[in-house]
Amino acid sequence: WSNFTESGMIDACLDDGGAWSYEQSKCEGAR
């Protein structure tokens, strides 16, 4: 779930201190 679903990737991104870009569907600024 955390590696292959969008909601899991968003959760992991936010847990690492990043910001999720919905337009690009990627994490920015996480450790």
PDB file of all heavy atoms in Angstrom:
ATOM      1  N   TRP A   1       0.836  -1.209   0.000  1.00  0.00           N
ATOM      2  CA  TRP A   1       0.000   0.000   0.000  1.00  0.00           C
ATOM      3  C   TRP A   1       0.867   1.253   0.000  1.00  0.00           C
ATOM      4  O   TRP A   1       0.624   2.179  -0.764  1.00  0.00           O
ATOM      5  CB  TRP A   1      -0.922  -0.011   1.224  1.00  0.00           C
ATOM      6  CG  TRP A   1      -1.684   1.265   1.380  1.00  0.00           C
ATOM      7  CD1 TRP A   1      -2.810   1.632   0.702  1.00  0.00           C
ATOM      8  CD2 TRP A   1      -1.354   2.358   2.237  1.00  0.00           C
ATOM      9  NE1 TRP A   1      -3.195   2.882   1.107  1.00  0.00           N
ATOM     10  CE2 TRP A   1      -2.328   3.352   2.042  1.00  0.00           C
ATOM     11  CE3 TRP A   1      -0.346   2.586   3.163  1.00  0.00           C
ATOM     12  CZ2 TRP A   1      -2.307   4.551   2.728  1.00  0.00           C
ATOM     13  CZ3 TRP A   1      -0.324   3.784   3.853  1.00  0.00           C
ATOM     14  CH2 TRP A   1      -1.303   4.743   3.629  1.00  0.00           C
ATOM     15  N   SER A   2       1.904   1.279   0.840  1.00  0.00           N
ATOM     16  CA  SER A   2       2.707   2.498   0.958  1.00  0.00           C
ATOM     17  C   SER A   2       3.614   2.738  -0.238  1.00  0.00           C
ATOM     18  O   SER A   2       4.025   3.871  -0.479  1.00  0.00           O
ATOM     19  CB  SER A   2       3.539   2.468   2.236  1.00  0.00           C
ATOM     20  OG  SER A   2       4.528   1.474   2.171  1.00  0.00           O
ATOM     21  N   ASN A   3       3.926   1.709  -0.997  1.00  0.00           N
ATOM     22  CA  ASN A   3       4.826   1.873  -2.133  1.00  0.00           C
ATOM     23  C   ASN A   3       4.139   1.927  -3.498  1.00  0.00           C
ATOM     24  O   ASN A   3       4.726   2.438  -4.445  1.00  0.00           O
ATOM     25  CB  ASN A   3       5.860   0.746  -2.152  1.00  0.00           C
ATOM     26  CG  ASN A   3       6.897   0.931  -1.081  1.00  0.00           C
ATOM     27  OD1 ASN A   3       7.688   1.853  -1.127  1.00  0.00           O
ATOM     28  ND2 ASN A   3       6.870   0.067  -0.076  1.00  0.00           N
ATOM     29  N   PHE A   4       2.939   1.409  -3.614  1.00  0.00           N
ATOM     30  CA  PHE A   4       2.334   1.269  -4.930  1.00  0.00           C
ATOM     31  C   PHE A   4       0.960   1.914  -5.082  1.00  0.00           C
ATOM     32  O   PHE A   4       0.361   1.795  -6.134  1.00  0.00           O
ATOM     33  CB  PHE A   4       2.247  -0.204  -5.325  1.00  0.00           C
ATOM     34  CG  PHE A   4       3.604  -0.830  -5.471  1.00  0.00           C
ATOM     35  CD1 PHE A   4       4.076  -1.717  -4.525  1.00  0.00           C
ATOM     36  CD2 PHE A   4       4.421  -0.516  -6.540  1.00  0.00           C
ATOM     37  CE1 PHE A   4       5.330  -2.282  -4.647  1.00  0.00           C
ATOM     38  CE2 PHE A   4       5.673  -1.076  -6.674  1.00  0.00           C
ATOM     39  CZ  PHE A   4       6.131  -1.963  -5.720  1.00  0.00           C
ATOM     40  N   THR A   5       0.453   2.577  -4.045  1.00  0.00           N
ATOM     41  CA  THR A   5      -0.806   3.302  -4.195  1.00  0.00           C
ATOM     42  C   THR A   5      -0.523   4.789  -4.005  1.00  0.00           C
ATOM     43  O   THR A   5       0.387   5.168  -3.278  1.00  0.00           O
ATOM     44  CB  THR A   5      -1.865   2.850  -3.179  1.00  0.00           C
ATOM     45  OG1 THR A   5      -1.434   3.178  -1.870  1.00  0.00           O
ATOM     46  CG2 THR A   5      -2.149   1.360  -3.292  1.00  0.00           C
ATOM     47  N   GLU A   6      -1.287   5.615  -4.674  1.00  0.00           N
ATOM     48  CA  GLU A   6      -1.049   7.053  -4.577  1.00  0.00           C
ATOM     49  C   GLU A   6      -1.261   7.560  -3.155  1.00  0.00           C
ATOM     50  O   GLU A   6      -0.474   8.352  -2.657  1.00  0.00           O
ATOM     51  CB  GLU A   6      -1.934   7.819  -5.547  1.00  0.00           C
ATOM     52  CG  GLU A   6      -1.591   9.296  -5.586  1.00  0.00           C
ATOM     53  CD  GLU A   6      -2.375  10.065  -6.628  1.00  0.00           C
ATOM     54  OE1 GLU A   6      -3.529   9.717  -6.903  1.00  0.00           O
ATOM     55  OE2 GLU A   6      -1.801  11.028  -7.166  1.00  0.00           O
ATOM     56  N   SER A   7      -2.286   7.075  -2.487  1.00  0.00           N
ATOM     57  CA  SER A   7      -2.524   7.538  -1.118  1.00  0.00           C
ATOM     58  C   SER A   7      -1.394   7.111  -0.191  1.00  0.00           C
ATOM     59  O   SER A   7      -1.017   7.851   0.724  1.00  0.00           O
ATOM     60  CB  SER A   7      -3.869   7.042  -0.600  1.00  0.00           C
ATOM     61  OG  SER A   7      -3.907   5.630  -0.559  1.00  0.00           O
ATOM     62  N   GLY A   8      -0.817   5.935  -0.427  1.00  0.00           N
ATOM     63  CA  GLY A   8       0.324   5.491   0.375  1.00  0.00           C
ATOM     64  C   GLY A   8       1.561   6.330   0.121  1.00  0.00           C
ATOM     65  O   GLY A   8       2.306   6.661   1.044  1.00  0.00           O
ATOM     66  N   MET A   9       1.788   6.694  -1.139  1.00  0.00           N
ATOM     67  CA  MET A   9       2.949   7.529  -1.468  1.00  0.00           C
ATOM     68  C   MET A   9       2.790   8.932  -0.882  1.00  0.00           C
ATOM     69  O   MET A   9       3.754   9.530  -0.412  1.00  0.00           O
ATOM     70  CB  MET A   9       3.156   7.582  -2.972  1.00  0.00           C
ATOM     71  CG  MET A   9       3.636   6.259  -3.547  1.00  0.00           C
ATOM     72  SD  MET A   9       4.035   6.337  -5.300  1.00  0.00           S
ATOM     73  CE  MET A   9       2.422   6.283  -6.031  1.00  0.00           C
ATOM     74  N   ILE A  10       1.557   9.459  -0.892  1.00  0.00           N
ATOM     75  CA  ILE A  10       1.309  10.772  -0.295  1.00  0.00           C
ATOM     76  C   ILE A  10       1.582  10.708   1.202  1.00  0.00           C
ATOM     77  O   ILE A  10       2.244  11.589   1.762  1.00  0.00           O
ATOM     78  CB  ILE A  10      -0.138  11.234  -0.572  1.00  0.00           C
ATOM     79  CG1 ILE A  10      -0.326  11.512  -2.062  1.00  0.00           C
ATOM     80  CG2 ILE A  10      -0.485  12.466   0.254  1.00  0.00           C
ATOM     81  CD1 ILE A  10      -1.774  11.726  -2.468  1.00  0.00           C
ATOM     82  N   ASP A  11       1.109   9.671   1.853  1.00  0.00           N
ATOM     83  CA  ASP A  11       1.310   9.506   3.294  1.00  0.00           C
ATOM     84  C   ASP A  11       2.795   9.417   3.626  1.00  0.00           C
ATOM     85  O   ASP A  11       3.278  10.068   4.556  1.00  0.00           O
ATOM     86  CB  ASP A  11       0.565   8.263   3.767  1.00  0.00           C
ATOM     87  CG  ASP A  11       0.547   8.135   5.274  1.00  0.00           C
ATOM     88  OD1 ASP A  11       0.291   9.156   5.948  1.00  0.00           O
ATOM     89  OD2 ASP A  11       0.780   7.021   5.780  1.00  0.00           O
ATOM     90  N   ALA A  12       3.538   8.619   2.865  1.00  0.00           N
ATOM     91  CA  ALA A  12       4.976   8.481   3.108  1.00  0.00           C
ATOM     92  C   ALA A  12       5.699   9.805   2.866  1.00  0.00           C
ATOM     93  O   ALA A  12       6.618  10.163   3.603  1.00  0.00           O
ATOM     94  CB  ALA A  12       5.559   7.397   2.213  1.00  0.00           C
ATOM     95  N   CYS A  13       5.282  10.544   1.854  1.00  0.00           N
ATOM     96  CA  CYS A  13       5.877  11.844   1.545  1.00  0.00           C
ATOM     97  C   CYS A  13       5.679  12.813   2.708  1.00  0.00           C
ATOM     98  O   CYS A  13       6.620  13.460   3.165  1.00  0.00           O
ATOM     99  CB  CYS A  13       5.258  12.401   0.268  1.00  0.00           C
ATOM    100  SG  CYS A  13       5.800  14.065  -0.164  1.00  0.00           S
ATOM    101  N   LEU A  14       4.445  12.899   3.192  1.00  0.00           N
ATOM    102  CA  LEU A  14       4.153  13.826   4.279  1.00  0.00           C
ATOM    103  C   LEU A  14       4.852  13.411   5.569  1.00  0.00           C
ATOM    104  O   LEU A  14       5.310  14.262   6.337  1.00  0.00           O
ATOM    105  CB  LEU A  14       2.639  13.937   4.493  1.00  0.00           C
ATOM    106  CG  LEU A  14       1.856  14.494   3.307  1.00  0.00           C
ATOM    107  CD1 LEU A  14       0.368  14.477   3.611  1.00  0.00           C
ATOM    108  CD2 LEU A  14       2.327  15.888   2.932  1.00  0.00           C
ATOM    109  N   ASP A  15       4.963  12.097   5.820  1.00  0.00           N
ATOM    110  CA  ASP A  15       5.675  11.616   7.005  1.00  0.00           C
ATOM    111  C   ASP A  15       7.148  12.001   6.967  1.00  0.00           C
ATOM    112  O   ASP A  15       7.770  12.196   8.007  1.00  0.00           O
ATOM    113  CB  ASP A  15       5.553  10.098   7.132  1.00  0.00           C
ATOM    114  CG  ASP A  15       4.186   9.655   7.623  1.00  0.00           C
ATOM    115  OD1 ASP A  15       3.421  10.526   8.093  1.00  0.00           O
ATOM    116  OD2 ASP A  15       3.889   8.454   7.531  1.00  0.00           O
ATOM    117  N   ASP A  16       7.733  12.086   5.769  1.00  0.00           N
ATOM    118  CA  ASP A  16       9.148  12.442   5.625  1.00  0.00           C
ATOM    119  C   ASP A  16       9.365  13.948   5.538  1.00  0.00           C
ATOM    120  O   ASP A  16      10.460  14.406   5.216  1.00  0.00           O
ATOM    121  CB  ASP A  16       9.744  11.769   4.389  1.00  0.00           C
ATOM    122  CG  ASP A  16      10.046  10.297   4.629  1.00  0.00           C
ATOM    123  OD1 ASP A  16      10.082   9.879   5.794  1.00  0.00           O
ATOM    124  OD2 ASP A  16      10.244   9.573   3.638  1.00  0.00           O
ATOM    125  N   GLY A  17       8.327  14.726   5.759  1.00  0.00           N
ATOM    126  CA  GLY A  17       8.465  16.176   5.781  1.00  0.00           C
ATOM    127  C   GLY A  17       8.384  16.837   4.423  1.00  0.00           C
ATOM    128  O   GLY A  17       8.791  17.985   4.264  1.00  0.00           O
ATOM    129  N   GLY A  18       7.864  16.147   3.441  1.00  0.00           N
ATOM    130  CA  GLY A  18       7.777  16.700   2.098  1.00  0.00           C
ATOM    131  C   GLY A  18       6.416  17.291   1.802  1.00  0.00           C
ATOM    132  O   GLY A  18       5.530  17.336   2.656  1.00  0.00           O
ATOM    133  N   ALA A  19       6.272  17.754   0.588  1.00  0.00           N
ATOM    134  CA  ALA A  19       5.006  18.299   0.097  1.00  0.00           C
ATOM    135  C   ALA A  19       4.621  17.535  -1.159  1.00  0.00           C
ATOM    136  O   ALA A  19       5.447  17.364  -2.061  1.00  0.00           O
ATOM    137  CB  ALA A  19       5.150  19.778  -0.215  1.00  0.00           C
ATOM    138  N   TRP A  20       3.388  17.062  -1.224  1.00  0.00           N
ATOM    139  CA  TRP A  20       2.929  16.293  -2.380  1.00  0.00           C
ATOM    140  C   TRP A  20       2.422  17.245  -3.444  1.00  0.00           C
ATOM    141  O   TRP A  20       1.594  18.106  -3.190  1.00  0.00           O
ATOM    142  CB  TRP A  20       1.830  15.328  -1.963  1.00  0.00           C
ATOM    143  CG  TRP A  20       1.401  14.455  -3.091  1.00  0.00           C
ATOM    144  CD1 TRP A  20       0.293  14.614  -3.858  1.00  0.00           C
ATOM    145  CD2 TRP A  20       2.080  13.310  -3.593  1.00  0.00           C
ATOM    146  NE1 TRP A  20       0.240  13.624  -4.812  1.00  0.00           N
ATOM    147  CE2 TRP A  20       1.312  12.815  -4.676  1.00  0.00           C
ATOM    148  CE3 TRP A  20       3.253  12.653  -3.250  1.00  0.00           C
ATOM    149  CZ2 TRP A  20       1.694  11.689  -5.391  1.00  0.00           C
ATOM    150  CZ3 TRP A  20       3.630  11.533  -3.967  1.00  0.00           C
ATOM    151  CH2 TRP A  20       2.859  11.064  -5.030  1.00  0.00           C
ATOM    152  N   SER A  21       2.925  17.085  -4.659  1.00  0.00           N
ATOM    153  CA  SER A  21       2.469  17.875  -5.795  1.00  0.00           C
ATOM    154  C   SER A  21       1.421  17.068  -6.547  1.00  0.00           C
ATOM    155  O   SER A  21       1.744  16.075  -7.201  1.00  0.00           O
ATOM    156  CB  SER A  21       3.641  18.199  -6.725  1.00  0.00           C
ATOM    157  OG  SER A  21       3.171  18.786  -7.913  1.00  0.00           O
ATOM    158  N   TYR A  22       0.160  17.476  -6.431  1.00  0.00           N
ATOM    159  CA  TYR A  22      -0.916  16.745  -7.096  1.00  0.00           C
ATOM    160  C   TYR A  22      -0.838  16.885  -8.616  1.00  0.00           C
ATOM    161  O   TYR A  22      -1.192  15.972  -9.341  1.00  0.00           O
ATOM    162  CB  TYR A  22      -2.277  17.227  -6.595  1.00  0.00           C
ATOM    163  CG  TYR A  22      -2.581  16.727  -5.205  1.00  0.00           C
ATOM    164  CD1 TYR A  22      -2.305  17.505  -4.095  1.00  0.00           C
ATOM    165  CD2 TYR A  22      -3.119  15.469  -5.013  1.00  0.00           C
ATOM    166  CE1 TYR A  22      -2.571  17.035  -2.821  1.00  0.00           C
ATOM    167  CE2 TYR A  22      -3.387  14.994  -3.748  1.00  0.00           C
ATOM    168  CZ  TYR A  22      -3.118  15.783  -2.654  1.00  0.00           C
ATOM    169  OH  TYR A  22      -3.364  15.315  -1.396  1.00  0.00           O
ATOM    170  N   GLU A  23      -0.365  18.022  -9.092  1.00  0.00           N
ATOM    171  CA  GLU A  23      -0.266  18.221 -10.539  1.00  0.00           C
ATOM    172  C   GLU A  23       0.760  17.284 -11.163  1.00  0.00           C
ATOM    173  O   GLU A  23       0.568  16.765 -12.255  1.00  0.00           O
ATOM    174  CB  GLU A  23       0.118  19.673 -10.857  1.00  0.00           C
ATOM    175  CG  GLU A  23      -0.928  20.692 -10.476  1.00  0.00           C
ATOM    176  CD  GLU A  23      -0.867  21.076  -9.002  1.00  0.00           C
ATOM    177  OE1 GLU A  23       0.185  20.864  -8.358  1.00  0.00           O
ATOM    178  OE2 GLU A  23      -1.869  21.568  -8.489  1.00  0.00           O
ATOM    179  N   GLN A  24       1.883  17.091 -10.467  1.00  0.00           N
ATOM    180  CA  GLN A  24       2.955  16.245 -11.006  1.00  0.00           C
ATOM    181  C   GLN A  24       2.926  14.830 -10.429  1.00  0.00           C
ATOM    182  O   GLN A  24       3.710  13.979 -10.849  1.00  0.00           O
ATOM    183  CB  GLN A  24       4.306  16.889 -10.707  1.00  0.00           C
ATOM    184  CG  GLN A  24       4.474  18.248 -11.352  1.00  0.00           C
ATOM    185  CD  GLN A  24       5.783  18.914 -10.954  1.00  0.00           C
ATOM    186  OE1 GLN A  24       6.529  18.407 -10.115  1.00  0.00           O
ATOM    187  NE2 GLN A  24       6.063  20.050 -11.552  1.00  0.00           N
ATOM    188  N   SER A  25       2.075  14.605  -9.449  1.00  0.00           N
ATOM    189  CA  SER A  25       1.982  13.297  -8.754  1.00  0.00           C
ATOM    190  C   SER A  25       3.337  12.835  -8.248  1.00  0.00           C
ATOM    191  O   SER A  25       3.754  11.707  -8.464  1.00  0.00           O
ATOM    192  CB  SER A  25       1.385  12.239  -9.678  1.00  0.00           C
ATOM    193  OG  SER A  25       0.044  12.535  -9.955  1.00  0.00           O
ATOM    194  N   LYS A  26       4.026  13.758  -7.554  1.00  0.00           N
ATOM    195  CA  LYS A  26       5.307  13.383  -6.975  1.00  0.00           C
ATOM    196  C   LYS A  26       5.550  14.160  -5.691  1.00  0.00           C
ATOM    197  O   LYS A  26       4.929  15.176  -5.431  1.00  0.00           O
ATOM    198  CB  LYS A  26       6.460  13.565  -7.948  1.00  0.00           C
ATOM    199  CG  LYS A  26       6.810  14.997  -8.248  1.00  0.00           C
ATOM    200  CD  LYS A  26       8.027  15.056  -9.159  1.00  0.00           C
ATOM    201  CE  LYS A  26       8.641  16.431  -9.116  1.00  0.00           C
ATOM    202  NZ  LYS A  26       9.876  16.499  -9.861  1.00  0.00           N
ATOM    203  N   CYS A  27       6.500  13.659  -4.925  1.00  0.00           N
ATOM    204  CA  CYS A  27       6.865  14.248  -3.658  1.00  0.00           C
ATOM    205  C   CYS A  27       7.997  15.244  -3.849  1.00  0.00           C
ATOM    206  O   CYS A  27       8.930  14.997  -4.604  1.00  0.00           O
ATOM    207  CB  CYS A  27       7.304  13.133  -2.706  1.00  0.00           C
ATOM    208  SG  CYS A  27       7.631  13.691  -1.044  1.00  0.00           S
ATOM    209  N   GLU A  28       7.902  16.368  -3.168  1.00  0.00           N
ATOM    210  CA  GLU A  28       8.948  17.391  -3.250  1.00  0.00           C
ATOM    211  C   GLU A  28       9.428  17.776  -1.860  1.00  0.00           C
ATOM    212  O   GLU A  28       8.616  18.073  -0.995  1.00  0.00           O
ATOM    213  CB  GLU A  28       8.411  18.625  -3.982  1.00  0.00           C
ATOM    214  CG  GLU A  28       7.990  18.347  -5.401  1.00  0.00           C
ATOM    215  CD  GLU A  28       7.318  19.539  -6.068  1.00  0.00           C
ATOM    216  OE1 GLU A  28       6.968  20.487  -5.360  1.00  0.00           O
ATOM    217  OE2 GLU A  28       7.152  19.482  -7.298  1.00  0.00           O
ATOM    218  N   GLY A  29      10.729  17.751  -1.650  1.00  0.00           N
ATOM    219  CA  GLY A  29      11.310  18.237  -0.424  1.00  0.00           C
ATOM    220  C   GLY A  29      11.368  17.275   0.733  1.00  0.00           C
ATOM    221  O   GLY A  29      11.743  17.648   1.829  1.00  0.00           O
ATOM    222  N   ALA A  30      11.037  16.008   0.530  1.00  0.00           N
ATOM    223  CA  ALA A  30      11.105  15.043   1.619  1.00  0.00           C
ATOM    224  C   ALA A  30      12.537  14.535   1.786  1.00  0.00           C
ATOM    225  O   ALA A  30      13.340  14.579   0.850  1.00  0.00           O
ATOM    226  CB  ALA A  30      10.178  13.863   1.360  1.00  0.00           C
ATOM    227  N   ARG A  31      12.840  14.079   2.967  1.00  0.00           N
ATOM    228  CA  ARG A  31      14.190  13.557   3.247  1.00  0.00           C
ATOM    229  C   ARG A  31      14.533  12.358   2.384  1.00  0.00           C
ATOM    230  O   ARG A  31      15.674  12.163   2.018  1.00  0.00           O
ATOM    231  CB  ARG A  31      14.307  13.191   4.716  1.00  0.00           C
ATOM    232  CG  ARG A  31      14.218  14.373   5.643  1.00  0.00           C
ATOM    233  CD  ARG A  31      14.446  13.965   7.084  1.00  0.00           C
ATOM    234  NE  ARG A  31      13.403  13.076   7.570  1.00  0.00           N
ATOM    235  CZ  ARG A  31      12.305  13.469   8.186  1.00  0.00           C
ATOM    236  NH1 ARG A  31      12.097  14.744   8.391  1.00  0.00           N
ATOM    237  NH2 ARG A  31      11.423  12.603   8.615  1.00  0.00           N
TER     238      ARG A  31
END
